[in-house]
């Protein structure tokens, strides 16, 4: 059983979420721009929180949780079509 948040694991999650943020930013559904911006803003805020938790508070648990929330917002936005993405490595899309 693996129940430890390592620096390597955290770095991996930061990397993949940063990459997903970059892809989503370029893929807003312009017909629902305001909603896409809202979901993207929430994801960005959680990503920023994660950086704060690890860099300032040295709290890898809260950082890991915030990264998962960030990516959850991105996945939700992709699933409902706010982000026109097809990368199923970064998003839960077909």
N, C-alpha and C. Protein backbone atom coordinates (compact mmCIF):
# COMPACT_ATOMS: atom_id res chain seq x y z
N UNK A 1 0.84 -1.18 0.00
CA UNK A 1 0.00 0.00 0.00
C UNK A 1 0.89 1.24 0.00
N UNK A 2 0.58 2.16 -0.89
CA UNK A 2 1.35 3.40 -0.99
C UNK A 2 0.49 4.54 -0.45
N UNK A 3 0.83 5.05 0.71
CA UNK A 3 0.05 6.11 1.32
C UNK A 3 0.91 7.31 1.72
N UNK A 4 1.98 7.53 0.96
CA UNK A 4 2.90 8.61 1.26
C UNK A 4 2.97 9.58 0.09
N UNK A 5 2.88 10.86 0.40
CA UNK A 5 3.05 11.89 -0.62
C UNK A 5 4.53 12.26 -0.63
N UNK A 6 5.21 11.84 -1.66
CA UNK A 6 6.64 12.15 -1.78
C UNK A 6 6.82 13.43 -2.59
N UNK A 7 8.00 14.00 -2.49
CA UNK A 7 8.31 15.19 -3.28
C UNK A 7 8.24 14.86 -4.78
N UNK A 8 8.68 13.66 -5.14
CA UNK A 8 8.61 13.24 -6.55
C UNK A 8 7.17 13.16 -7.04
N UNK A 9 6.31 12.59 -6.23
CA UNK A 9 4.90 12.47 -6.60
C UNK A 9 4.28 13.86 -6.72
N UNK A 10 4.57 14.72 -5.76
CA UNK A 10 4.04 16.08 -5.79
C UNK A 10 4.54 16.83 -7.02
N UNK A 11 5.81 16.70 -7.33
CA UNK A 11 6.37 17.34 -8.52
C UNK A 11 5.68 16.85 -9.79
N UNK A 12 5.39 15.56 -9.84
CA UNK A 12 4.70 14.99 -10.99
C UNK A 12 3.31 15.59 -11.15
N UNK A 13 2.59 15.71 -10.05
CA UNK A 13 1.24 16.30 -10.09
C UNK A 13 1.29 17.78 -10.46
N UNK A 14 2.28 18.51 -9.95
CA UNK A 14 2.44 19.91 -10.36
C UNK A 14 2.68 19.99 -11.87
N UNK A 15 3.53 19.14 -12.37
CA UNK A 15 3.88 19.16 -13.79
C UNK A 15 2.68 18.87 -14.68
N UNK A 16 1.96 17.81 -14.37
CA UNK A 16 0.83 17.43 -15.23
C UNK A 16 -0.30 18.45 -15.14
N UNK A 17 -0.53 19.01 -13.95
CA UNK A 17 -1.59 20.01 -13.81
C UNK A 17 -1.20 21.30 -14.52
N UNK A 18 0.06 21.68 -14.45
CA UNK A 18 0.53 22.87 -15.17
C UNK A 18 0.35 22.69 -16.68
N UNK A 19 0.67 21.51 -17.17
CA UNK A 19 0.50 21.21 -18.59
C UNK A 19 -0.98 21.25 -18.98
N UNK A 20 -1.83 20.69 -18.14
CA UNK A 20 -3.27 20.70 -18.42
C UNK A 20 -3.82 22.12 -18.39
N UNK A 21 -3.36 22.94 -17.47
CA UNK A 21 -3.77 24.34 -17.43
C UNK A 21 -3.42 25.05 -18.73
N UNK A 22 -2.22 24.83 -19.22
CA UNK A 22 -1.78 25.47 -20.46
C UNK A 22 -2.66 25.04 -21.64
N UNK A 23 -2.97 23.76 -21.72
CA UNK A 23 -3.82 23.27 -22.82
C UNK A 23 -5.23 23.81 -22.72
N UNK A 24 -5.79 23.83 -21.51
CA UNK A 24 -7.15 24.31 -21.32
C UNK A 24 -7.25 25.80 -21.66
N UNK A 25 -6.24 26.56 -21.29
CA UNK A 25 -6.24 28.01 -21.53
C UNK A 25 -6.39 28.34 -23.01
N UNK A 26 -5.87 27.47 -23.85
CA UNK A 26 -5.92 27.69 -25.30
C UNK A 26 -7.14 27.04 -25.95
N UNK A 27 -8.03 26.45 -25.16
CA UNK A 27 -9.10 25.64 -25.74
C UNK A 27 -10.49 25.99 -25.21
N UNK A 28 -10.67 27.24 -24.80
CA UNK A 28 -12.00 27.63 -24.31
C UNK A 28 -13.04 27.50 -25.41
N UNK A 29 -14.21 27.03 -25.05
CA UNK A 29 -15.37 27.04 -25.94
C UNK A 29 -15.85 28.49 -25.96
N UNK A 30 -15.62 29.19 -27.07
CA UNK A 30 -15.93 30.62 -27.12
C UNK A 30 -17.42 30.91 -27.01
N UNK A 31 -18.26 29.92 -27.29
CA UNK A 31 -19.70 30.15 -27.14
C UNK A 31 -20.12 30.14 -25.67
N UNK A 32 -19.22 29.62 -24.81
CA UNK A 32 -19.46 29.61 -23.36
C UNK A 32 -18.24 30.17 -22.63
N UNK A 33 -17.73 31.25 -23.17
CA UNK A 33 -16.49 31.87 -22.70
C UNK A 33 -16.52 32.16 -21.19
N UNK A 34 -17.61 32.74 -20.72
CA UNK A 34 -17.69 33.12 -19.31
C UNK A 34 -17.61 31.90 -18.40
N UNK A 35 -18.30 30.84 -18.76
CA UNK A 35 -18.25 29.62 -17.95
C UNK A 35 -16.86 28.99 -18.00
N UNK A 36 -16.27 28.96 -19.19
CA UNK A 36 -14.92 28.40 -19.33
C UNK A 36 -13.93 29.19 -18.49
N UNK A 37 -14.04 30.50 -18.53
CA UNK A 37 -13.14 31.34 -17.73
C UNK A 37 -13.33 31.07 -16.24
N UNK A 38 -14.58 30.87 -15.81
CA UNK A 38 -14.85 30.60 -14.41
C UNK A 38 -14.20 29.29 -13.96
N UNK A 39 -14.38 28.23 -14.74
CA UNK A 39 -13.76 26.94 -14.39
C UNK A 39 -12.24 27.05 -14.41
N UNK A 40 -11.70 27.74 -15.41
CA UNK A 40 -10.26 27.90 -15.51
C UNK A 40 -9.72 28.71 -14.33
N UNK A 41 -10.46 29.74 -13.93
CA UNK A 41 -10.06 30.55 -12.78
C UNK A 41 -10.00 29.71 -11.51
N UNK A 42 -11.01 28.88 -11.30
CA UNK A 42 -11.01 28.02 -10.11
C UNK A 42 -9.81 27.07 -10.14
N UNK A 43 -9.55 26.47 -11.29
CA UNK A 43 -8.40 25.56 -11.40
C UNK A 43 -7.10 26.29 -11.12
N UNK A 44 -6.98 27.49 -11.66
CA UNK A 44 -5.77 28.28 -11.46
C UNK A 44 -5.59 28.66 -10.00
N UNK A 45 -6.68 29.01 -9.35
CA UNK A 45 -6.60 29.39 -7.93
C UNK A 45 -6.15 28.20 -7.07
N UNK A 46 -6.68 27.02 -7.35
CA UNK A 46 -6.26 25.85 -6.58
C UNK A 46 -4.80 25.49 -6.87
N UNK A 47 -4.37 25.66 -8.12
CA UNK A 47 -2.97 25.41 -8.46
C UNK A 47 -2.07 26.38 -7.69
N UNK A 48 -2.46 27.65 -7.66
CA UNK A 48 -1.71 28.67 -6.93
C UNK A 48 -1.69 28.35 -5.43
N UNK A 49 -2.83 27.92 -4.92
CA UNK A 49 -2.87 27.51 -3.51
C UNK A 49 -1.90 26.37 -3.24
N UNK A 50 -1.85 25.41 -4.14
CA UNK A 50 -0.93 24.28 -3.97
C UNK A 50 0.51 24.75 -3.89
N UNK A 51 0.88 25.71 -4.74
CA UNK A 51 2.25 26.26 -4.71
C UNK A 51 2.49 26.91 -3.34
N UNK A 52 1.51 27.67 -2.88
CA UNK A 52 1.63 28.34 -1.58
C UNK A 52 1.81 27.31 -0.46
N UNK A 53 0.99 26.28 -0.46
CA UNK A 53 1.06 25.28 0.60
C UNK A 53 2.43 24.60 0.65
N UNK A 54 2.98 24.30 -0.50
CA UNK A 54 4.26 23.60 -0.49
C UNK A 54 5.44 24.57 -0.29
N UNK A 55 5.39 25.74 -0.93
CA UNK A 55 6.53 26.66 -0.88
C UNK A 55 6.59 27.46 0.42
N UNK A 56 5.44 27.84 0.95
CA UNK A 56 5.40 28.70 2.13
C UNK A 56 5.14 27.92 3.41
N UNK A 57 4.19 27.02 3.35
CA UNK A 57 3.79 26.28 4.55
C UNK A 57 4.50 24.93 4.69
N UNK A 58 5.17 24.51 3.61
CA UNK A 58 5.83 23.19 3.59
C UNK A 58 4.86 22.08 3.94
N UNK A 59 3.63 22.22 3.45
CA UNK A 59 2.57 21.24 3.71
C UNK A 59 2.24 20.50 2.42
N UNK A 60 2.87 19.35 2.26
CA UNK A 60 2.69 18.58 1.04
C UNK A 60 1.30 17.96 0.94
N UNK A 61 0.67 17.69 2.06
CA UNK A 61 -0.67 17.09 2.04
C UNK A 61 -1.68 18.09 1.48
N UNK A 62 -1.68 19.30 2.02
CA UNK A 62 -2.61 20.31 1.50
C UNK A 62 -2.28 20.67 0.05
N UNK A 63 -1.01 20.70 -0.30
CA UNK A 63 -0.62 20.98 -1.68
C UNK A 63 -1.16 19.90 -2.62
N UNK A 64 -1.02 18.66 -2.21
CA UNK A 64 -1.51 17.54 -3.02
C UNK A 64 -3.03 17.62 -3.18
N UNK A 65 -3.71 17.94 -2.10
CA UNK A 65 -5.18 18.07 -2.16
C UNK A 65 -5.58 19.20 -3.10
N UNK A 66 -4.91 20.34 -3.01
CA UNK A 66 -5.23 21.48 -3.87
C UNK A 66 -4.97 21.15 -5.33
N UNK A 67 -3.91 20.41 -5.61
CA UNK A 67 -3.63 20.02 -7.00
C UNK A 67 -4.74 19.12 -7.54
N UNK A 68 -5.24 18.24 -6.70
CA UNK A 68 -6.32 17.36 -7.14
C UNK A 68 -7.60 18.15 -7.41
N UNK A 69 -7.88 19.15 -6.59
CA UNK A 69 -9.02 20.02 -6.86
C UNK A 69 -8.81 20.78 -8.17
N UNK A 70 -7.62 21.31 -8.36
CA UNK A 70 -7.32 22.05 -9.60
C UNK A 70 -7.58 21.18 -10.81
N UNK A 71 -7.07 19.98 -10.77
CA UNK A 71 -7.24 19.10 -11.92
C UNK A 71 -8.69 18.64 -12.06
N UNK A 72 -9.37 18.53 -10.95
CA UNK A 72 -10.80 18.20 -10.99
C UNK A 72 -11.60 19.26 -11.74
N UNK A 73 -11.31 20.52 -11.48
CA UNK A 73 -11.99 21.60 -12.21
C UNK A 73 -11.69 21.52 -13.70
N UNK A 74 -10.45 21.21 -14.04
CA UNK A 74 -10.08 21.09 -15.46
C UNK A 74 -10.80 19.91 -16.10
N UNK A 75 -10.82 18.78 -15.42
CA UNK A 75 -11.51 17.60 -15.95
C UNK A 75 -13.00 17.86 -16.11
N UNK A 76 -13.60 18.48 -15.12
CA UNK A 76 -15.03 18.77 -15.21
C UNK A 76 -15.31 19.70 -16.39
N UNK A 77 -14.49 20.72 -16.55
CA UNK A 77 -14.66 21.64 -17.68
C UNK A 77 -14.50 20.93 -19.02
N UNK A 78 -13.55 20.02 -19.08
CA UNK A 78 -13.34 19.27 -20.32
C UNK A 78 -14.53 18.34 -20.60
N UNK A 79 -15.01 17.68 -19.56
CA UNK A 79 -16.13 16.73 -19.74
C UNK A 79 -17.41 17.40 -20.20
N UNK A 80 -17.65 18.62 -19.75
CA UNK A 80 -18.88 19.30 -20.17
C UNK A 80 -18.64 20.21 -21.38
N UNK A 81 -17.45 20.15 -21.95
CA UNK A 81 -17.18 20.84 -23.20
C UNK A 81 -16.77 22.30 -23.09
N UNK A 82 -16.45 22.77 -21.89
CA UNK A 82 -15.99 24.15 -21.77
C UNK A 82 -14.58 24.32 -22.32
N UNK A 83 -13.81 23.25 -22.25
CA UNK A 83 -12.47 23.23 -22.84
C UNK A 83 -12.50 22.22 -23.97
N UNK A 84 -12.19 22.64 -25.16
CA UNK A 84 -12.21 21.77 -26.34
C UNK A 84 -10.86 21.07 -26.44
N UNK A 85 -10.70 20.04 -25.63
CA UNK A 85 -9.45 19.28 -25.57
C UNK A 85 -9.72 17.82 -25.92
N UNK A 86 -8.69 17.17 -26.43
CA UNK A 86 -8.82 15.76 -26.80
C UNK A 86 -7.74 14.90 -26.16
N UNK A 87 -6.87 15.49 -25.40
CA UNK A 87 -5.75 14.77 -24.79
C UNK A 87 -6.23 13.95 -23.60
N UNK A 88 -6.40 12.65 -23.80
CA UNK A 88 -6.92 11.82 -22.71
C UNK A 88 -5.83 11.41 -21.71
N UNK A 89 -4.63 11.89 -21.90
CA UNK A 89 -3.57 11.72 -20.89
C UNK A 89 -3.72 12.78 -19.82
N UNK A 90 -4.16 13.97 -20.21
CA UNK A 90 -4.29 15.10 -19.29
C UNK A 90 -5.70 15.32 -18.78
N UNK A 91 -6.69 14.84 -19.54
CA UNK A 91 -8.09 15.10 -19.21
C UNK A 91 -8.89 13.81 -19.32
N UNK A 92 -10.01 13.74 -18.63
CA UNK A 92 -10.87 12.57 -18.74
C UNK A 92 -11.85 12.77 -19.90
N UNK A 93 -11.30 12.68 -21.09
CA UNK A 93 -12.10 12.79 -22.32
C UNK A 93 -11.81 11.58 -23.19
N UNK A 94 -12.74 11.29 -24.09
CA UNK A 94 -12.55 10.15 -25.00
C UNK A 94 -11.68 10.52 -26.17
